Amino acid sequence: MRTSRTVQKHTAAGRLRRRQGLSDEVYEALYGMIMKLEIAPGARISVDALTRDLGVSQTPLREALSRLEVQGLVVKTHLVGYSAAPQLDEKRLRQLYDLRLLLEPHVAAEAAQNMSPDDVERLMELDVEMRTGTAEDLQSYAEFAELDGRFHDLIARGSGNDVIHETLTRLHIHVHLFRSSFQATATDHANLEHEGILAAIQARDSSAAHAAMYEHILRSRDRFVKGCPKRRGVNSG
């Protein structure tokens, strides 16, 4: 009897792992389609069409869409279905940057004191990865955006403030920003600014980390506001 229960338990665990793996693959595929604008901002997302295109059932697809909804990349409307989130307008973009300026310099300063050596090493690896590629098209730009998001997320987590980390994770501001406009030179500027943040964290210098992050967010705002539509937009979550 014990053997039977053990087999059932292991079989169920195997199913869960495979299902989770498929859900992750579908999520990454949809994330890439949105970031590369293969799914345009505000466009309707057909679940039936995607199940055919991706060759999967609706279950992992809806799981992936739910994750994207939490990130603010997808909007679900009652009796209508899913659509890609609209692009940010200038007012919304500035409001998000106001919040970033309040939170991210603080977490950078805290990370300089609290981040583990392993996380600092991983931060260095992400910095190298971002410098390795180029951003000559939307696909490579989307890849840079993902690495940039992981860079900022790791710093937020390394601060030791779970509430702020969770808040920044839910916002996923970086995703919206990199979708709002495409500027190949923006990656070069961001890499230079990341260098200052990383150096301050490695030196365990809280003041320098705070200043470097504040400058980075400020410059990033100025870069992306230029390409943001002026209209009053819909709250994209």
Protein backbone atom coordinates (compact mmCIF):
# COMPACT_ATOMS: atom_id res chain seq x y z
CA MET A 1 0.00 0.00 0.00
CA ARG A 2 2.82 2.37 0.83
CA THR A 3 4.51 1.58 -2.46
CA SER A 4 1.32 2.38 -4.36
CA ARG A 5 0.91 5.70 -2.58
CA THR A 6 4.55 6.58 -3.19
CA VAL A 7 4.23 5.81 -6.91
CA GLN A 8 1.05 7.88 -7.12
CA LYS A 9 2.74 10.75 -5.32
CA HIS A 10 5.80 10.70 -7.60
CA THR A 11 3.66 10.38 -10.72
CA ALA A 12 1.57 13.37 -9.69
CA ALA A 13 4.70 15.39 -8.95
CA GLY A 14 6.05 14.52 -12.40
CA ARG A 15 2.86 15.71 -14.05
CA LEU A 16 3.04 18.96 -12.13
CA ARG A 17 6.63 19.59 -13.18
CA ARG A 18 5.88 18.92 -16.83
CA ARG A 19 2.80 21.11 -16.75
CA GLN A 20 4.72 23.92 -15.11
CA GLY A 21 7.47 23.60 -17.68
CA LEU A 22 4.99 23.89 -20.54
CA SER A 23 3.34 26.89 -18.91
CA ASP A 24 6.74 28.56 -18.64
CA GLU A 25 7.48 27.89 -22.31
CA VAL A 26 4.13 29.35 -23.38
CA TYR A 27 4.70 32.37 -21.13
CA GLU A 28 8.12 33.02 -22.66
CA ALA A 29 6.67 32.70 -26.18
CA LEU A 30 3.87 35.19 -25.46
CA TYR A 31 6.21 37.54 -23.61
CA GLY A 32 8.50 37.58 -26.63
CA MET A 33 5.60 38.21 -29.02
CA ILE A 34 4.45 41.20 -26.97
CA MET A 35 7.93 42.63 -26.50
CA LYS A 36 8.72 42.32 -30.21
CA LEU A 37 5.36 43.91 -31.03
CA GLU A 38 4.20 40.80 -32.89
CA ILE A 39 1.16 41.35 -30.69
CA ALA A 40 0.54 45.08 -31.01
CA PRO A 41 -0.33 47.27 -27.98
CA GLY A 42 -4.09 47.16 -27.42
CA ALA A 43 -4.60 44.27 -29.87
CA ARG A 44 -7.14 41.56 -29.10
CA ILE A 45 -5.58 38.22 -28.12
CA SER A 46 -7.44 35.18 -29.46
CA VAL A 47 -7.02 32.18 -27.17
CA ASP A 48 -8.26 29.79 -29.88
CA ALA A 49 -5.82 31.17 -32.46
CA LEU A 50 -2.88 30.96 -30.07
CA THR A 51 -3.65 27.37 -29.08
CA ARG A 52 -3.45 26.48 -32.78
CA ASP A 53 -0.34 28.56 -33.47
CA LEU A 54 1.57 27.31 -30.42
CA GLY A 55 0.21 23.77 -30.53
CA VAL A 56 -0.89 23.69 -26.90
CA SER A 57 -4.11 23.32 -24.96
CA GLN A 58 -5.93 26.24 -23.39
CA THR A 59 -4.78 25.39 -19.85
CA PRO A 60 -1.07 26.38 -20.10
CA LEU A 61 -2.05 29.25 -22.39
CA ARG A 62 -4.46 30.73 -19.86
CA GLU A 63 -1.90 30.22 -17.09
CA ALA A 64 0.63 32.20 -19.13
CA LEU A 65 -1.91 34.91 -19.88
CA SER A 66 -2.70 35.21 -16.18
CA ARG A 67 0.99 35.77 -15.42
CA LEU A 68 1.19 38.43 -18.10
CA GLU A 69 -1.94 40.05 -16.69
CA VAL A 70 -0.29 40.34 -13.28
CA GLN A 71 2.69 42.00 -14.97
CA GLY A 72 0.45 44.51 -16.68
CA LEU A 73 1.28 43.30 -20.18
CA VAL A 74 -2.14 41.78 -20.76
CA VAL A 75 -5.61 43.08 -19.88
CA LYS A 76 -8.58 40.79 -19.29
CA THR A 77 -12.03 42.28 -19.88
CA HIS A 78 -15.20 40.55 -18.69
CA LEU A 79 -17.17 38.96 -21.55
CA VAL A 80 -14.58 40.22 -24.03
CA GLY A 81 -11.38 38.32 -23.29
CA TYR A 82 -7.71 39.19 -23.39
CA SER A 83 -5.91 42.01 -25.14
CA ALA A 84 -2.38 43.40 -25.03
CA ALA A 85 -2.04 46.37 -22.70
CA PRO A 86 -2.04 49.75 -24.44
CA GLN A 87 1.11 51.81 -24.57
CA LEU A 88 1.65 54.32 -21.83
CA ASP A 89 0.92 57.96 -22.44
CA GLU A 90 3.25 60.67 -21.14
CA LYS A 91 1.25 61.37 -17.99
CA ARG A 92 1.22 57.73 -16.90
CA LEU A 93 4.88 57.31 -17.77
CA ARG A 94 5.89 60.29 -15.65
CA GLN A 95 3.82 59.00 -12.73
CA LEU A 96 5.56 55.63 -12.89
CA TYR A 97 8.93 57.35 -12.94
CA ASP A 98 7.97 59.43 -9.91
CA LEU A 99 7.43 56.16 -8.06
CA ARG A 100 10.68 54.70 -9.35
CA LEU A 101 12.57 57.78 -8.14
CA LEU A 102 11.11 57.31 -4.67
CA LEU A 103 11.72 53.56 -4.37
CA GLU A 104 14.67 52.42 -6.44
CA PRO A 105 17.44 54.70 -5.11
CA HIS A 106 16.44 53.57 -1.62
CA VAL A 107 16.60 49.86 -2.49
CA ALA A 108 19.96 50.39 -4.22
CA ALA A 109 21.34 51.96 -1.04
CA GLU A 110 19.98 49.09 1.04
CA ALA A 111 21.29 46.50 -1.44
CA ALA A 112 24.79 47.97 -1.08
CA GLN A 113 24.67 46.89 2.55
CA ASN A 114 22.48 43.78 2.46
CA MET A 115 23.00 42.02 -0.88
CA SER A 116 24.69 38.64 -0.58
CA PRO A 117 28.02 38.01 -2.33
CA ASP A 118 26.29 35.46 -4.58
CA ASP A 119 23.70 38.02 -5.68
CA VAL A 120 26.40 40.62 -6.31
CA GLU A 121 28.16 38.09 -8.52
CA ARG A 122 24.92 37.40 -10.38
CA LEU A 123 24.44 41.15 -10.82
CA MET A 124 27.87 41.31 -12.42
CA GLU A 125 26.93 38.45 -14.76
CA LEU A 126 23.75 40.24 -15.84
CA ASP A 127 25.76 43.38 -16.49
CA VAL A 128 28.11 41.42 -18.76
CA GLU A 129 25.17 39.81 -20.59
CA MET A 130 23.61 43.20 -21.27
CA ARG A 131 26.88 44.49 -22.71
CA THR A 132 27.45 41.44 -24.89
CA GLY A 133 24.46 41.85 -27.19
CA THR A 134 23.38 44.66 -29.46
CA ALA A 135 20.00 46.37 -29.71
CA GLU A 136 19.75 46.90 -33.44
CA ASP A 137 16.23 45.48 -33.73
CA LEU A 138 13.17 44.84 -31.60
CA GLN A 139 14.09 41.23 -30.86
CA SER A 140 17.52 42.05 -29.40
CA TYR A 141 16.00 45.08 -27.68
CA ALA A 142 13.40 42.82 -26.07
CA GLU A 143 16.18 40.54 -24.83
CA PHE A 144 18.02 43.52 -23.36
CA ALA A 145 14.79 44.67 -21.68
CA GLU A 146 14.37 41.30 -20.00
CA LEU A 147 17.93 41.34 -18.68
CA ASP A 148 17.49 44.94 -17.53
CA GLY A 149 14.38 43.92 -15.62
CA ARG A 150 16.24 41.08 -13.93
CA PHE A 151 19.06 43.47 -13.03
CA HIS A 152 16.69 45.89 -11.29
CA ASP A 153 14.68 43.07 -9.71
CA LEU A 154 17.82 41.52 -8.21
CA ILE A 155 18.78 44.85 -6.65
CA ALA A 156 15.28 45.27 -5.20
CA ARG A 157 15.37 41.76 -3.78
CA GLY A 158 18.88 42.31 -2.45
CA SER A 159 17.69 45.29 -0.43
CA GLY A 160 16.02 42.92 2.01
CA ASN A 161 12.77 44.92 1.89
CA ASP A 162 10.21 42.37 0.74
CA VAL A 163 7.35 44.88 0.53
CA ILE A 164 9.21 47.22 -1.82
CA HIS A 165 10.49 44.27 -3.85
CA GLU A 166 6.95 42.94 -4.27
CA THR A 167 5.69 46.39 -5.22
CA LEU A 168 8.33 46.84 -7.91
CA THR A 169 7.75 43.30 -9.16
CA ARG A 170 4.04 43.96 -9.62
CA LEU A 171 4.69 47.20 -11.44
CA HIS A 172 7.12 45.73 -13.95
CA ILE A 173 7.75 49.26 -15.09
CA HIS A 174 10.75 48.34 -17.20
CA VAL A 175 8.60 46.21 -19.48
CA HIS A 176 6.27 49.09 -20.28
CA LEU A 177 9.11 51.47 -20.87
CA PHE A 178 10.91 49.31 -23.35
CA ARG A 179 7.67 48.78 -25.23
CA SER A 180 6.88 52.50 -25.35
CA SER A 181 9.63 53.36 -27.80
CA PHE A 182 12.60 51.74 -29.49
CA GLN A 183 15.93 53.49 -29.18
CA ALA A 184 19.06 51.50 -29.93
CA THR A 185 21.27 54.09 -28.20
CA ALA A 186 19.25 53.75 -24.99
CA THR A 187 20.97 50.45 -24.24
CA ASP A 188 24.43 52.06 -24.40
CA HIS A 189 23.39 54.80 -21.99
CA ALA A 190 21.74 52.29 -19.64
CA ASN A 191 24.84 50.09 -19.58
CA LEU A 192 27.05 53.03 -18.60
CA GLU A 193 24.63 53.97 -15.81
CA HIS A 194 24.40 50.36 -14.61
CA GLU A 195 28.19 50.36 -14.33
CA GLY A 196 28.03 53.11 -11.71
CA ILE A 197 25.29 51.35 -9.74
CA LEU A 198 27.16 48.05 -9.77
CA ALA A 199 30.44 49.65 -8.72
CA ALA A 200 28.75 51.32 -5.74
CA ILE A 201 27.10 48.09 -4.63
CA GLN A 202 30.37 46.17 -4.96
CA ALA A 203 32.04 48.85 -2.82
CA ARG A 204 29.19 48.58 -0.28
CA ASP A 205 28.76 52.35 -0.60
CA SER A 206 25.10 53.13 0.15
CA SER A 207 25.32 56.84 -0.64
CA ALA A 208 26.98 56.25 -3.99
CA ALA A 209 24.47 53.50 -4.86
CA HIS A 210 21.57 55.81 -4.02
CA ALA A 211 23.02 58.62 -6.14
CA ALA A 212 23.87 56.34 -9.08
CA MET A 213 20.41 54.77 -9.16
CA TYR A 214 18.68 58.15 -8.88
CA GLU A 215 20.71 59.48 -11.80
CA HIS A 216 19.96 56.36 -13.84
CA ILE A 217 16.19 56.58 -13.29
CA LEU A 218 16.20 60.32 -14.03
CA ARG A 219 18.12 59.89 -17.29
CA SER A 220 15.98 56.93 -18.29
CA ARG A 221 12.85 59.01 -17.79
CA ASP A 222 14.21 61.76 -20.04
CA ARG A 223 15.08 59.22 -22.75
CA PHE A 224 11.72 57.49 -22.87
CA VAL A 225 9.40 60.44 -22.35
CA LYS A 226 10.53 61.67 -25.77
CA GLY A 227 8.96 58.66 -27.49
CA CYS A 228 5.82 58.48 -25.40
CA PRO A 229 2.43 59.42 -26.94
CA LYS A 230 0.97 62.67 -25.64
CA ARG A 231 -2.61 61.51 -25.45
CA ARG A 232 -4.30 60.55 -22.22
CA GLY A 233 -4.00 56.79 -22.17
CA VAL A 234 -5.78 53.94 -20.52
CA ASN A 235 -4.34 52.67 -17.29
CA SER A 236 -2.28 49.68 -18.41
CA GLY A 237 -2.02 48.15 -14.96
